[in-house]
């Protein structure tokens, strides 16, 4: 059953990744682009988790945690810059 579901999940997450990247490039405003970048982080995490499940190794889960941490910090920094004009007060 897992051999059937994993390729479908990879395809759907890859399609979501492509659509998010398209929104990042074509976003009409800066908040749209920040949201698309945040969605790209989430899609990357999903791809790494799926790859870790398929290969049966925990290394990809640790990489997904690091990307989640960096994605959160990056999103907060970009939003703070967008609202205030500077990151460090």
Protein backbone atom coordinates (compact mmCIF):
# COMPACT_ATOMS: atom_id res chain seq x y z
CA UNK A 1 0.00 0.00 0.00
CA UNK A 2 2.84 2.40 0.85
CA UNK A 3 4.45 1.74 -2.54
CA UNK A 4 1.28 3.01 -4.18
CA UNK A 5 0.70 6.05 -1.99
CA UNK A 6 4.23 7.51 -1.92
CA UNK A 7 4.53 8.32 -5.66
CA UNK A 8 1.10 9.94 -5.59
CA UNK A 9 2.09 12.00 -2.55
CA UNK A 10 5.36 13.01 -4.23
CA UNK A 11 3.47 14.14 -7.32
CA UNK A 12 0.92 16.16 -5.37
CA UNK A 13 3.53 17.87 -3.18
CA UNK A 14 5.67 18.59 -6.25
CA UNK A 15 2.64 20.19 -7.94
CA UNK A 16 2.03 22.30 -4.82
CA UNK A 17 5.72 23.26 -4.83
CA UNK A 18 5.51 24.35 -8.48
CA UNK A 19 2.36 26.42 -7.88
CA UNK A 20 3.91 28.10 -4.85
CA UNK A 21 7.03 28.91 -6.84
CA UNK A 22 4.84 30.40 -9.56
CA UNK A 23 3.12 32.60 -6.96
CA UNK A 24 6.54 33.63 -5.63
CA UNK A 25 7.57 34.80 -9.08
CA UNK A 26 4.27 36.38 -10.13
CA UNK A 27 2.90 37.58 -6.80
CA UNK A 28 1.27 40.98 -7.18
CA UNK A 29 2.46 42.24 -3.80
CA UNK A 30 5.17 41.64 -1.23
CA UNK A 31 2.87 39.87 1.29
CA UNK A 32 1.83 37.42 -1.44
CA UNK A 33 5.47 36.66 -2.14
CA UNK A 34 6.26 36.19 1.55
CA UNK A 35 3.33 33.81 1.90
CA UNK A 36 4.48 31.90 -1.19
CA UNK A 37 7.98 31.62 0.27
CA UNK A 38 6.54 30.30 3.52
CA UNK A 39 4.51 27.76 1.56
CA UNK A 40 7.67 26.72 -0.29
CA UNK A 41 9.32 25.96 3.05
CA UNK A 42 6.37 23.82 4.06
CA UNK A 43 6.39 21.96 0.72
CA UNK A 44 10.12 21.34 1.06
CA UNK A 45 9.54 19.90 4.53
CA UNK A 46 6.83 17.64 3.14
CA UNK A 47 9.13 16.42 0.35
CA UNK A 48 11.91 15.66 2.82
CA UNK A 49 9.56 13.77 5.13
CA UNK A 50 8.24 11.72 2.22
CA UNK A 51 11.78 10.98 1.09
CA UNK A 52 12.70 9.92 4.62
CA UNK A 53 9.72 7.57 4.72
CA UNK A 54 10.59 6.10 1.34
CA UNK A 55 14.27 5.54 2.14
CA UNK A 56 13.67 4.58 5.77
CA UNK A 57 16.23 6.93 7.29
CA UNK A 58 15.92 9.56 9.98
CA UNK A 59 18.47 11.92 8.44
CA UNK A 60 15.85 13.57 6.25
CA UNK A 61 13.60 14.21 9.24
CA UNK A 62 16.41 16.15 10.92
CA UNK A 63 16.95 18.16 7.75
CA UNK A 64 13.21 18.89 7.67
CA UNK A 65 13.39 20.20 11.24
CA UNK A 66 16.27 22.51 10.33
CA UNK A 67 14.42 23.84 7.30
CA UNK A 68 11.32 24.40 9.44
CA UNK A 69 13.33 26.41 11.94
CA UNK A 70 15.04 28.49 9.25
CA UNK A 71 11.74 29.00 7.42
CA UNK A 72 10.03 30.29 10.54
CA UNK A 73 12.85 32.70 11.36
CA UNK A 74 13.02 33.89 7.77
CA UNK A 75 9.28 34.48 7.56
CA UNK A 76 9.26 36.44 10.81
CA UNK A 77 12.22 38.54 9.68
CA UNK A 78 10.65 39.30 6.30
CA UNK A 79 7.32 40.24 7.86
CA UNK A 80 9.00 42.45 10.42
CA UNK A 81 10.99 44.15 7.67
CA UNK A 82 7.85 44.63 5.60
CA UNK A 83 5.94 46.19 8.50
CA UNK A 84 8.64 48.34 10.12
CA UNK A 85 11.35 48.80 7.53
CA UNK A 86 14.06 47.29 9.72
CA UNK A 87 14.67 43.94 11.36
CA UNK A 88 16.70 44.90 14.41
CA UNK A 89 15.23 47.64 16.55
